[in-house]
Amino acid sequence: YTQTNNNSVTLQFEQRFLLTRQAFKGTLKVENAQMTNLQDIYVEAKVTNMEGKNVTELFALEYKGLGAWGKANDNGTNAGNGTWILGGNETGEANVLYVPSKEAAPSVPTDYLFGGTLTYRDVNTGNMVTVELMQTKLTVNPSPDIHLTYFLQRDFISDDPLTEEVEPWQPAQF
């Protein structure tokens, strides 16, 4: 609170908060030991709860590398249709960043199983092959949550500038 010579009041406050978020990064290395290209490579991440129900929608997913919607690394080429090609005798890497929403662990730490599938075209048969990725159990902790409620007094009692008499002011509530 400050009072200037012009009888004005200035209320100024500053707040700083730091809210942290957790994220999990999954990495899958694909080694193509064949002389021919692996084609139509597609990685799909999946998160399940401990009862086996698919709850992937509780997480924001960001794919990078040999995964759909991602960016090719040095050894992966985007095939233009959401899949990837990995050359013969090359190694590629797929990364998935999992960012849990507040609903993933609203009030207590919650365990989830992180896994998914790797799909590619077998160049010898032309058939699509899908491999289940081994699941890993991780614990999601509740995110910080803060609720602030402010009350600022509506009416202020102070000197009336339209009178010669100087009326006393009263402190306002905040």
N, C-alpha and C. Protein backbone atom coordinates (compact mmCIF):
# COMPACT_ATOMS: atom_id res chain seq x y z
N TYR A 1 0.85 -1.17 0.00
CA TYR A 1 0.00 0.00 0.00
C TYR A 1 0.90 1.23 0.00
N THR A 2 0.61 2.16 -0.90
CA THR A 2 1.30 3.45 -0.90
C THR A 2 0.29 4.55 -1.11
N GLN A 3 0.57 5.71 -0.51
CA GLN A 3 -0.29 6.87 -0.74
C GLN A 3 0.62 7.97 -1.27
N THR A 4 0.24 8.53 -2.41
CA THR A 4 1.05 9.58 -3.02
C THR A 4 0.43 10.94 -2.73
N ASN A 5 1.10 11.99 -3.16
CA ASN A 5 0.60 13.35 -2.94
C ASN A 5 -0.72 13.59 -3.67
N ASN A 6 -1.03 12.82 -4.69
CA ASN A 6 -2.28 12.98 -5.43
C ASN A 6 -3.43 12.22 -4.78
N ASN A 7 -3.24 11.71 -3.60
CA ASN A 7 -4.25 10.95 -2.87
C ASN A 7 -4.71 9.72 -3.65
N SER A 8 -3.83 9.06 -4.34
CA SER A 8 -4.19 7.83 -5.03
C SER A 8 -3.59 6.65 -4.29
N VAL A 9 -4.17 5.53 -4.52
CA VAL A 9 -3.73 4.31 -3.84
C VAL A 9 -3.27 3.32 -4.89
N THR A 10 -2.15 2.70 -4.65
CA THR A 10 -1.62 1.69 -5.55
C THR A 10 -1.53 0.37 -4.80
N LEU A 11 -2.10 -0.65 -5.38
CA LEU A 11 -2.00 -1.99 -4.81
C LEU A 11 -1.23 -2.84 -5.81
N GLN A 12 -0.14 -3.40 -5.38
CA GLN A 12 0.68 -4.20 -6.28
C GLN A 12 1.14 -5.44 -5.53
N PHE A 13 0.99 -6.59 -6.17
CA PHE A 13 1.51 -7.82 -5.59
C PHE A 13 2.04 -8.69 -6.72
N GLU A 14 3.00 -9.50 -6.38
CA GLU A 14 3.63 -10.37 -7.35
C GLU A 14 3.67 -11.77 -6.77
N GLN A 15 3.38 -12.75 -7.62
CA GLN A 15 3.44 -14.13 -7.18
C GLN A 15 4.26 -14.92 -8.17
N ARG A 16 4.98 -15.87 -7.68
CA ARG A 16 5.73 -16.77 -8.54
C ARG A 16 5.47 -18.19 -8.06
N PHE A 17 5.14 -19.05 -9.03
CA PHE A 17 4.88 -20.44 -8.72
C PHE A 17 5.69 -21.29 -9.66
N LEU A 18 6.14 -22.39 -9.15
CA LEU A 18 6.83 -23.36 -9.98
C LEU A 18 6.05 -24.67 -9.86
N LEU A 19 5.45 -25.08 -10.95
CA LEU A 19 4.76 -26.36 -10.98
C LEU A 19 5.58 -27.30 -11.85
N THR A 20 5.82 -28.47 -11.35
CA THR A 20 6.63 -29.42 -12.10
C THR A 20 5.73 -30.49 -12.72
N ARG A 21 6.18 -31.03 -13.84
CA ARG A 21 5.49 -32.12 -14.50
C ARG A 21 6.51 -33.23 -14.66
N GLN A 22 6.02 -34.43 -14.66
CA GLN A 22 6.90 -35.57 -14.89
C GLN A 22 6.63 -36.11 -16.28
N ALA A 23 7.63 -36.74 -16.83
CA ALA A 23 7.49 -37.36 -18.14
C ALA A 23 8.38 -38.60 -18.15
N PHE A 24 8.02 -39.54 -19.02
CA PHE A 24 8.78 -40.77 -19.17
C PHE A 24 9.20 -40.88 -20.63
N LYS A 25 10.44 -41.25 -20.85
CA LYS A 25 10.92 -41.42 -22.22
C LYS A 25 11.21 -42.90 -22.45
N GLY A 26 10.55 -43.43 -23.47
CA GLY A 26 10.79 -44.81 -23.86
C GLY A 26 11.64 -44.84 -25.12
N THR A 27 12.63 -45.73 -25.17
CA THR A 27 13.52 -45.84 -26.32
C THR A 27 13.51 -47.27 -26.83
N LEU A 28 13.36 -47.42 -28.13
CA LEU A 28 13.38 -48.73 -28.78
C LEU A 28 14.43 -48.69 -29.88
N LYS A 29 15.44 -49.58 -29.80
CA LYS A 29 16.45 -49.69 -30.85
C LYS A 29 16.06 -50.82 -31.78
N VAL A 30 16.11 -50.54 -33.07
CA VAL A 30 15.79 -51.54 -34.08
C VAL A 30 17.06 -51.80 -34.89
N GLU A 31 17.52 -53.05 -34.85
CA GLU A 31 18.71 -53.44 -35.62
C GLU A 31 18.26 -54.31 -36.79
N ASN A 32 18.51 -53.83 -37.99
CA ASN A 32 18.17 -54.59 -39.18
C ASN A 32 19.41 -55.37 -39.61
N ALA A 33 19.44 -56.65 -39.29
CA ALA A 33 20.59 -57.49 -39.61
C ALA A 33 20.51 -58.05 -41.03
N GLN A 34 19.45 -57.75 -41.75
CA GLN A 34 19.29 -58.25 -43.12
C GLN A 34 20.02 -57.32 -44.09
N MET A 35 20.25 -57.82 -45.27
CA MET A 35 20.86 -57.01 -46.32
C MET A 35 19.81 -56.10 -46.97
N THR A 36 18.54 -56.47 -46.87
CA THR A 36 17.47 -55.70 -47.49
C THR A 36 16.84 -54.73 -46.48
N ASN A 37 16.11 -53.76 -47.00
CA ASN A 37 15.45 -52.78 -46.15
C ASN A 37 14.31 -53.40 -45.35
N LEU A 38 14.14 -52.89 -44.13
CA LEU A 38 12.90 -53.14 -43.40
C LEU A 38 11.96 -52.02 -43.83
N GLN A 39 10.75 -52.38 -44.21
CA GLN A 39 9.84 -51.38 -44.73
C GLN A 39 8.57 -51.30 -43.89
N ASP A 40 7.87 -50.19 -44.05
CA ASP A 40 6.59 -49.96 -43.36
C ASP A 40 6.71 -50.16 -41.85
N ILE A 41 7.79 -49.65 -41.28
CA ILE A 41 8.00 -49.75 -39.83
C ILE A 41 7.08 -48.75 -39.14
N TYR A 42 6.43 -49.24 -38.10
CA TYR A 42 5.48 -48.42 -37.37
C TYR A 42 5.56 -48.80 -35.90
N VAL A 43 5.70 -47.81 -35.03
CA VAL A 43 5.74 -48.04 -33.59
C VAL A 43 4.50 -47.40 -32.98
N GLU A 44 3.77 -48.17 -32.19
CA GLU A 44 2.60 -47.63 -31.50
C GLU A 44 2.74 -47.87 -30.01
N ALA A 45 2.76 -46.78 -29.26
CA ALA A 45 2.88 -46.88 -27.81
C ALA A 45 1.52 -47.20 -27.20
N LYS A 46 1.56 -47.90 -26.07
CA LYS A 46 0.33 -48.26 -25.38
C LYS A 46 0.60 -48.24 -23.88
N VAL A 47 -0.34 -47.67 -23.13
CA VAL A 47 -0.24 -47.64 -21.68
C VAL A 47 -1.48 -48.35 -21.13
N THR A 48 -1.26 -49.28 -20.20
CA THR A 48 -2.37 -49.97 -19.56
C THR A 48 -2.28 -49.80 -18.05
N ASN A 49 -3.43 -49.87 -17.40
CA ASN A 49 -3.40 -49.86 -15.94
C ASN A 49 -3.07 -51.27 -15.45
N MET A 50 -3.00 -51.46 -14.17
CA MET A 50 -2.57 -52.75 -13.63
C MET A 50 -3.63 -53.84 -13.84
N GLU A 51 -4.84 -53.46 -14.20
CA GLU A 51 -5.90 -54.43 -14.52
C GLU A 51 -5.88 -54.80 -16.00
N GLY A 52 -5.00 -54.20 -16.78
CA GLY A 52 -4.89 -54.52 -18.20
C GLY A 52 -5.73 -53.66 -19.13
N LYS A 53 -6.41 -52.64 -18.60
CA LYS A 53 -7.24 -51.76 -19.43
C LYS A 53 -6.36 -50.72 -20.12
N ASN A 54 -6.62 -50.50 -21.42
CA ASN A 54 -5.88 -49.51 -22.18
C ASN A 54 -6.26 -48.11 -21.69
N VAL A 55 -5.27 -47.36 -21.18
CA VAL A 55 -5.50 -46.01 -20.67
C VAL A 55 -4.55 -45.01 -21.33
N THR A 56 -4.17 -45.29 -22.56
CA THR A 56 -3.22 -44.43 -23.27
C THR A 56 -3.72 -43.00 -23.35
N GLU A 57 -5.05 -42.81 -23.37
CA GLU A 57 -5.61 -41.46 -23.49
C GLU A 57 -5.29 -40.58 -22.29
N LEU A 58 -4.80 -41.16 -21.19
CA LEU A 58 -4.40 -40.37 -20.02
C LEU A 58 -3.02 -39.73 -20.19
N PHE A 59 -2.38 -40.00 -21.31
CA PHE A 59 -1.02 -39.51 -21.55
C PHE A 59 -0.94 -38.79 -22.89
N ALA A 60 -0.16 -37.71 -22.91
CA ALA A 60 0.19 -37.07 -24.18
C ALA A 60 1.44 -37.78 -24.68
N LEU A 61 1.43 -38.21 -25.95
CA LEU A 61 2.55 -38.97 -26.51
C LEU A 61 3.23 -38.15 -27.60
N GLU A 62 4.55 -38.16 -27.59
CA GLU A 62 5.32 -37.52 -28.65
C GLU A 62 6.30 -38.55 -29.20
N TYR A 63 6.15 -38.85 -30.48
CA TYR A 63 6.99 -39.85 -31.14
C TYR A 63 8.15 -39.17 -31.85
N LYS A 64 9.33 -39.79 -31.78
CA LYS A 64 10.48 -39.34 -32.56
C LYS A 64 11.25 -40.58 -33.00
N GLY A 65 11.84 -40.50 -34.16
CA GLY A 65 12.64 -41.62 -34.66
C GLY A 65 11.84 -42.47 -35.59
N LEU A 66 11.95 -43.78 -35.47
CA LEU A 66 11.30 -44.71 -36.38
C LEU A 66 9.85 -44.98 -36.00
N GLY A 67 9.12 -43.95 -35.60
CA GLY A 67 7.72 -44.13 -35.23
C GLY A 67 6.84 -43.23 -36.06
N ALA A 68 5.61 -43.61 -36.19
CA ALA A 68 4.67 -42.77 -36.92
C ALA A 68 4.60 -41.41 -36.25
N TRP A 69 4.37 -40.38 -37.04
CA TRP A 69 4.26 -39.00 -36.61
C TRP A 69 5.58 -38.43 -36.12
N GLY A 70 6.65 -39.19 -36.18
CA GLY A 70 7.92 -38.71 -35.66
C GLY A 70 8.81 -38.15 -36.74
N LYS A 71 10.04 -37.95 -36.41
CA LYS A 71 11.04 -37.41 -37.32
C LYS A 71 12.11 -38.48 -37.49
N ALA A 72 12.50 -38.74 -38.70
CA ALA A 72 13.48 -39.79 -38.94
C ALA A 72 14.82 -39.41 -38.33
N ASN A 73 15.49 -40.40 -37.77
CA ASN A 73 16.86 -40.15 -37.31
C ASN A 73 17.80 -40.37 -38.49
N ASP A 74 19.08 -40.38 -38.25
CA ASP A 74 20.04 -40.51 -39.35
C ASP A 74 19.85 -41.78 -40.17
N ASN A 75 19.39 -42.85 -39.52
CA ASN A 75 19.28 -44.12 -40.23
C ASN A 75 17.85 -44.52 -40.56
N GLY A 76 16.90 -43.61 -40.44
CA GLY A 76 15.52 -43.93 -40.79
C GLY A 76 15.02 -42.97 -41.84
N THR A 77 14.22 -43.45 -42.74
CA THR A 77 13.68 -42.62 -43.81
C THR A 77 12.17 -42.66 -43.75
N ASN A 78 11.56 -41.49 -43.78
CA ASN A 78 10.11 -41.41 -43.77
C ASN A 78 9.59 -41.91 -45.12
N ALA A 79 8.69 -42.87 -45.09
CA ALA A 79 8.15 -43.43 -46.33
C ALA A 79 7.01 -42.58 -46.88
N GLY A 80 6.61 -41.53 -46.15
CA GLY A 80 5.59 -40.63 -46.64
C GLY A 80 4.18 -41.05 -46.29
N ASN A 81 3.97 -42.20 -45.71
CA ASN A 81 2.62 -42.66 -45.38
C ASN A 81 2.48 -42.95 -43.88
N GLY A 82 3.30 -42.32 -43.06
CA GLY A 82 3.24 -42.55 -41.62
C GLY A 82 4.09 -43.72 -41.16
N THR A 83 4.81 -44.35 -42.08
CA THR A 83 5.69 -45.46 -41.72
C THR A 83 7.12 -45.09 -42.10
N TRP A 84 8.03 -46.00 -41.75
CA TRP A 84 9.45 -45.72 -41.94
C TRP A 84 10.13 -46.88 -42.64
N ILE A 85 11.29 -46.58 -43.24
CA ILE A 85 12.14 -47.58 -43.88
C ILE A 85 13.48 -47.55 -43.19
N LEU A 86 14.02 -48.75 -42.89
CA LEU A 86 15.35 -48.85 -42.29
C LEU A 86 16.20 -49.70 -43.21
N GLY A 87 17.32 -49.13 -43.64
CA GLY A 87 18.19 -49.81 -44.60
C GLY A 87 18.82 -51.08 -44.03
N GLY A 88 19.33 -51.92 -44.95
CA GLY A 88 20.00 -53.16 -44.56
C GLY A 88 21.23 -52.90 -43.71
N ASN A 89 21.43 -53.73 -42.68
CA ASN A 89 22.56 -53.63 -41.76
C ASN A 89 22.64 -52.26 -41.08
N GLU A 90 21.50 -51.65 -40.82
CA GLU A 90 21.48 -50.37 -40.12
C GLU A 90 20.70 -50.50 -38.82
N THR A 91 20.95 -49.54 -37.94
CA THR A 91 20.26 -49.50 -36.65
C THR A 91 19.49 -48.18 -36.57
N GLY A 92 18.26 -48.27 -36.16
CA GLY A 92 17.43 -47.07 -35.96
C GLY A 92 16.90 -47.04 -34.55
N GLU A 93 16.40 -45.90 -34.16
CA GLU A 93 15.91 -45.74 -32.79
C GLU A 93 14.57 -45.03 -32.81
N ALA A 94 13.65 -45.52 -32.03
CA ALA A 94 12.34 -44.87 -31.86
C ALA A 94 12.25 -44.40 -30.41
N ASN A 95 11.77 -43.19 -30.23
CA ASN A 95 11.59 -42.62 -28.90
C ASN A 95 10.15 -42.18 -28.73
N VAL A 96 9.62 -42.43 -27.56
CA VAL A 96 8.28 -41.96 -27.22
C VAL A 96 8.39 -41.23 -25.89
N LEU A 97 7.90 -40.00 -25.86
CA LEU A 97 7.84 -39.25 -24.62
C LEU A 97 6.40 -39.31 -24.11
N TYR A 98 6.23 -39.84 -22.90
CA TYR A 98 4.92 -39.98 -22.27
C TYR A 98 4.78 -38.88 -21.23
N VAL A 99 3.78 -38.03 -21.37
CA VAL A 99 3.51 -36.98 -20.38
C VAL A 99 2.14 -37.26 -19.79
N PRO A 100 2.08 -37.64 -18.50
CA PRO A 100 0.79 -37.97 -17.90
C PRO A 100 -0.08 -36.73 -17.68
N SER A 101 -1.38 -36.91 -17.85
CA SER A 101 -2.33 -35.84 -17.53
C SER A 101 -2.59 -35.88 -16.03
N LYS A 102 -3.30 -34.89 -15.53
CA LYS A 102 -3.62 -34.87 -14.10
C LYS A 102 -4.50 -36.05 -13.71
N GLU A 103 -5.28 -36.57 -14.67
CA GLU A 103 -6.17 -37.69 -14.39
C GLU A 103 -5.41 -39.01 -14.24
N ALA A 104 -4.17 -39.05 -14.65
CA ALA A 104 -3.39 -40.29 -14.54
C ALA A 104 -3.11 -40.65 -13.08
N ALA A 105 -2.95 -39.66 -12.23
CA ALA A 105 -2.72 -39.88 -10.80
C ALA A 105 -3.30 -38.68 -10.05
N PRO A 106 -4.63 -38.62 -9.91
CA PRO A 106 -5.25 -37.43 -9.33
C PRO A 106 -4.83 -37.13 -7.89
N SER A 107 -4.69 -38.19 -7.06
CA SER A 107 -4.39 -37.90 -5.65
C SER A 107 -3.35 -38.83 -5.02
N VAL A 108 -3.12 -39.99 -5.60
CA VAL A 108 -2.13 -40.93 -5.04
C VAL A 108 -1.26 -41.46 -6.18
N PRO A 109 -0.02 -41.89 -5.87
CA PRO A 109 0.82 -42.49 -6.91
C PRO A 109 0.11 -43.71 -7.52
N THR A 110 0.19 -43.84 -8.84
CA THR A 110 -0.51 -44.90 -9.56
C THR A 110 0.45 -45.60 -10.51
N ASP A 111 0.43 -46.93 -10.49
CA ASP A 111 1.29 -47.72 -11.36
C ASP A 111 0.63 -47.97 -12.71
N TYR A 112 1.45 -47.92 -13.77
CA TYR A 112 1.00 -48.21 -15.13
C TYR A 112 2.03 -49.09 -15.82
N LEU A 113 1.57 -49.80 -16.85
CA LEU A 113 2.45 -50.61 -17.68
C LEU A 113 2.61 -49.91 -19.03
N PHE A 114 3.87 -49.63 -19.40
CA PHE A 114 4.19 -48.94 -20.64
C PHE A 114 4.75 -49.96 -21.63
N GLY A 115 4.15 -50.01 -22.80
CA GLY A 115 4.59 -50.95 -23.83
C GLY A 115 4.09 -50.50 -25.18
N GLY A 116 3.72 -51.45 -26.02
CA GLY A 116 3.20 -51.11 -27.33
C GLY A 116 3.51 -52.19 -28.34
N THR A 117 3.51 -51.80 -29.62
CA THR A 117 3.79 -52.76 -30.69
C THR A 117 4.75 -52.15 -31.70
N LEU A 118 5.50 -53.03 -32.33
CA LEU A 118 6.36 -52.68 -33.46
C LEU A 118 5.84 -53.47 -34.65
N THR A 119 5.50 -52.77 -35.71
CA THR A 119 4.98 -53.43 -36.91
C THR A 119 5.91 -53.11 -38.08
N TYR A 120 6.17 -54.12 -38.92
CA TYR A 120 6.99 -53.91 -40.11
C TYR A 120 6.59 -54.93 -41.17
N ARG A 121 7.01 -54.67 -42.41
CA ARG A 121 6.73 -55.59 -43.51
C ARG A 121 7.91 -56.54 -43.67
N ASP A 122 7.60 -57.85 -43.64
CA ASP A 122 8.62 -58.88 -43.89
C ASP A 122 8.89 -58.88 -45.39
N VAL A 123 10.14 -58.50 -45.78
CA VAL A 123 10.45 -58.38 -47.21
C VAL A 123 10.47 -59.74 -47.91
N ASN A 124 10.66 -60.82 -47.16
CA ASN A 124 10.70 -62.15 -47.78
C ASN A 124 9.30 -62.65 -48.14
N THR A 125 8.30 -62.34 -47.28
CA THR A 125 6.95 -62.85 -47.52
C THR A 125 5.99 -61.76 -47.99
N GLY A 126 6.35 -60.50 -47.72
CA GLY A 126 5.45 -59.39 -48.05
C GLY A 126 4.38 -59.16 -47.00
N ASN A 127 4.35 -60.01 -45.96
CA ASN A 127 3.34 -59.90 -44.90
C ASN A 127 3.75 -58.88 -43.84
N MET A 128 2.76 -58.26 -43.22
CA MET A 128 3.02 -57.37 -42.09
C MET A 128 3.22 -58.21 -40.83
N VAL A 129 4.24 -57.87 -40.06
CA VAL A 129 4.57 -58.57 -38.82
C VAL A 129 4.41 -57.58 -37.67
N THR A 130 3.69 -58.00 -36.63
CA THR A 130 3.51 -57.15 -35.44
C THR A 130 4.12 -57.85 -34.25
N VAL A 131 4.97 -57.14 -33.53
CA VAL A 131 5.65 -57.69 -32.36
C VAL A 131 5.23 -56.87 -31.14
N GLU A 132 4.75 -57.57 -30.11
CA GLU A 132 4.41 -56.89 -28.85
C GLU A 132 5.70 -56.50 -28.14
N LEU A 133 5.77 -55.28 -27.69
CA LEU A 133 6.93 -54.81 -26.93
C LEU A 133 6.74 -55.15 -25.46
N MET A 134 7.82 -55.54 -24.81
CA MET A 134 7.75 -55.89 -23.40
C MET A 134 7.32 -54.67 -22.58
N GLN A 135 6.39 -54.87 -21.67
CA GLN A 135 5.87 -53.78 -20.85
C GLN A 135 6.80 -53.50 -19.67
N THR A 136 6.86 -52.23 -19.31
CA THR A 136 7.63 -51.79 -18.16
C THR A 136 6.70 -51.09 -17.19
N LYS A 137 6.80 -51.45 -15.92
CA LYS A 137 5.95 -50.83 -14.90
C LYS A 137 6.62 -49.56 -14.38
N LEU A 138 5.86 -48.46 -14.41
CA LEU A 138 6.34 -47.19 -13.88
C LEU A 138 5.23 -46.58 -13.02
N THR A 139 5.64 -45.76 -12.07
CA THR A 139 4.70 -45.11 -11.16
C THR A 139 4.55 -43.64 -11.55
N VAL A 140 3.31 -43.21 -11.71
CA VAL A 140 3.00 -41.81 -11.98
C VAL A 140 2.58 -41.18 -10.66
N ASN A 141 3.25 -40.09 -10.31
CA ASN A 141 2.93 -39.37 -9.08
C ASN A 141 1.93 -38.25 -9.38
N PRO A 142 1.12 -37.89 -8.40
CA PRO A 142 0.18 -36.78 -8.61
C PRO A 142 0.93 -35.50 -8.95
N SER A 143 0.34 -34.71 -9.83
CA SER A 143 0.92 -33.42 -10.20
C SER A 143 0.55 -32.38 -9.15
N PRO A 144 1.40 -31.38 -8.96
CA PRO A 144 1.04 -30.33 -8.02
C PRO A 144 -0.23 -29.63 -8.47
N ASP A 145 -1.00 -29.22 -7.51
CA ASP A 145 -2.26 -28.55 -7.81
C ASP A 145 -2.43 -27.42 -6.80
N ILE A 146 -2.66 -26.24 -7.29
CA ILE A 146 -2.83 -25.10 -6.38
C ILE A 146 -4.08 -24.34 -6.77
N HIS A 147 -4.85 -23.96 -5.77
CA HIS A 147 -6.05 -23.16 -5.97
C HIS A 147 -5.92 -21.92 -5.09
N LEU A 148 -6.03 -20.75 -5.68
CA LEU A 148 -5.93 -19.50 -4.94
C LEU A 148 -7.25 -18.75 -5.07
N THR A 149 -7.70 -18.20 -3.94
CA THR A 149 -8.90 -17.37 -3.94
C THR A 149 -8.53 -16.06 -3.28
N TYR A 150 -8.83 -14.97 -3.97
CA TYR A 150 -8.53 -13.64 -3.45
C TYR A 150 -9.81 -12.90 -3.15
N PHE A 151 -9.74 -12.07 -2.12
CA PHE A 151 -10.84 -11.16 -1.82
C PHE A 151 -10.25 -9.77 -1.75
N LEU A 152 -10.82 -8.86 -2.50
CA LEU A 152 -10.39 -7.47 -2.47
C LEU A 152 -11.61 -6.63 -2.10
N GLN A 153 -11.47 -5.88 -1.03
CA GLN A 153 -12.59 -5.08 -0.55
C GLN A 153 -13.06 -4.14 -1.66
N ARG A 154 -14.38 -4.08 -1.86
CA ARG A 154 -14.94 -3.29 -2.95
C ARG A 154 -14.93 -1.79 -2.65
N ASP A 155 -15.30 -1.40 -1.44
CA ASP A 155 -15.40 0.01 -1.08
C ASP A 155 -14.22 0.39 -0.19
N PHE A 156 -13.63 1.53 -0.52
CA PHE A 156 -12.50 2.04 0.25
C PHE A 156 -12.93 3.35 0.93
N ILE A 157 -12.58 3.49 2.17
CA ILE A 157 -12.93 4.70 2.90
C ILE A 157 -11.67 5.55 3.03
N SER A 158 -11.75 6.75 2.47
CA SER A 158 -10.62 7.67 2.55
C SER A 158 -11.14 9.10 2.37
N ASP A 159 -10.24 10.02 2.18
CA ASP A 159 -10.58 11.42 2.04
C ASP A 159 -11.46 11.66 0.81
N ASP A 160 -12.51 12.48 0.99
CA ASP A 160 -13.38 12.86 -0.13
C ASP A 160 -12.75 14.07 -0.81
N PRO A 161 -12.33 13.96 -2.08
CA PRO A 161 -11.64 15.07 -2.73
C PRO A 161 -12.56 16.26 -3.02
N LEU A 162 -13.88 16.08 -2.87
CA LEU A 162 -14.81 17.17 -3.16
C LEU A 162 -15.09 18.06 -1.95
N THR A 163 -14.51 17.74 -0.81
CA THR A 163 -14.70 18.57 0.39
C THR A 163 -13.36 19.12 0.84
N GLU A 164 -13.42 20.23 1.59
CA GLU A 164 -12.18 20.81 2.12
C GLU A 164 -11.67 20.04 3.32
N GLU A 165 -12.59 19.45 4.03
CA GLU A 165 -12.21 18.69 5.23
C GLU A 165 -11.47 17.42 4.81
N VAL A 166 -10.42 17.09 5.55
CA VAL A 166 -9.66 15.88 5.27
C VAL A 166 -10.18 14.78 6.19
N GLU A 167 -10.86 13.81 5.58
CA GLU A 167 -11.40 12.70 6.34
C GLU A 167 -10.32 11.63 6.50
N PRO A 168 -10.34 10.92 7.62
CA PRO A 168 -9.34 9.87 7.82
C PRO A 168 -9.64 8.66 6.93
N TRP A 169 -8.61 7.97 6.53
CA TRP A 169 -8.79 6.76 5.71
C TRP A 169 -8.76 5.54 6.61
N GLN A 170 -9.31 4.45 6.12
CA GLN A 170 -9.31 3.18 6.86
C GLN A 170 -8.63 2.13 6.00
N PRO A 171 -7.87 1.25 6.59
CA PRO A 171 -7.21 0.21 5.80
C PRO A 171 -8.26 -0.71 5.12
N ALA A 172 -7.94 -1.15 3.95
CA ALA A 172 -8.82 -2.06 3.20
C ALA A 172 -8.35 -3.49 3.39
N GLN A 173 -9.27 -4.42 3.22
CA GLN A 173 -8.96 -5.83 3.37
C GLN A 173 -8.52 -6.45 2.05
N PHE A 174 -7.51 -7.26 2.15
CA PHE A 174 -7.10 -8.04 0.97
C PHE A 174 -6.86 -9.46 1.44
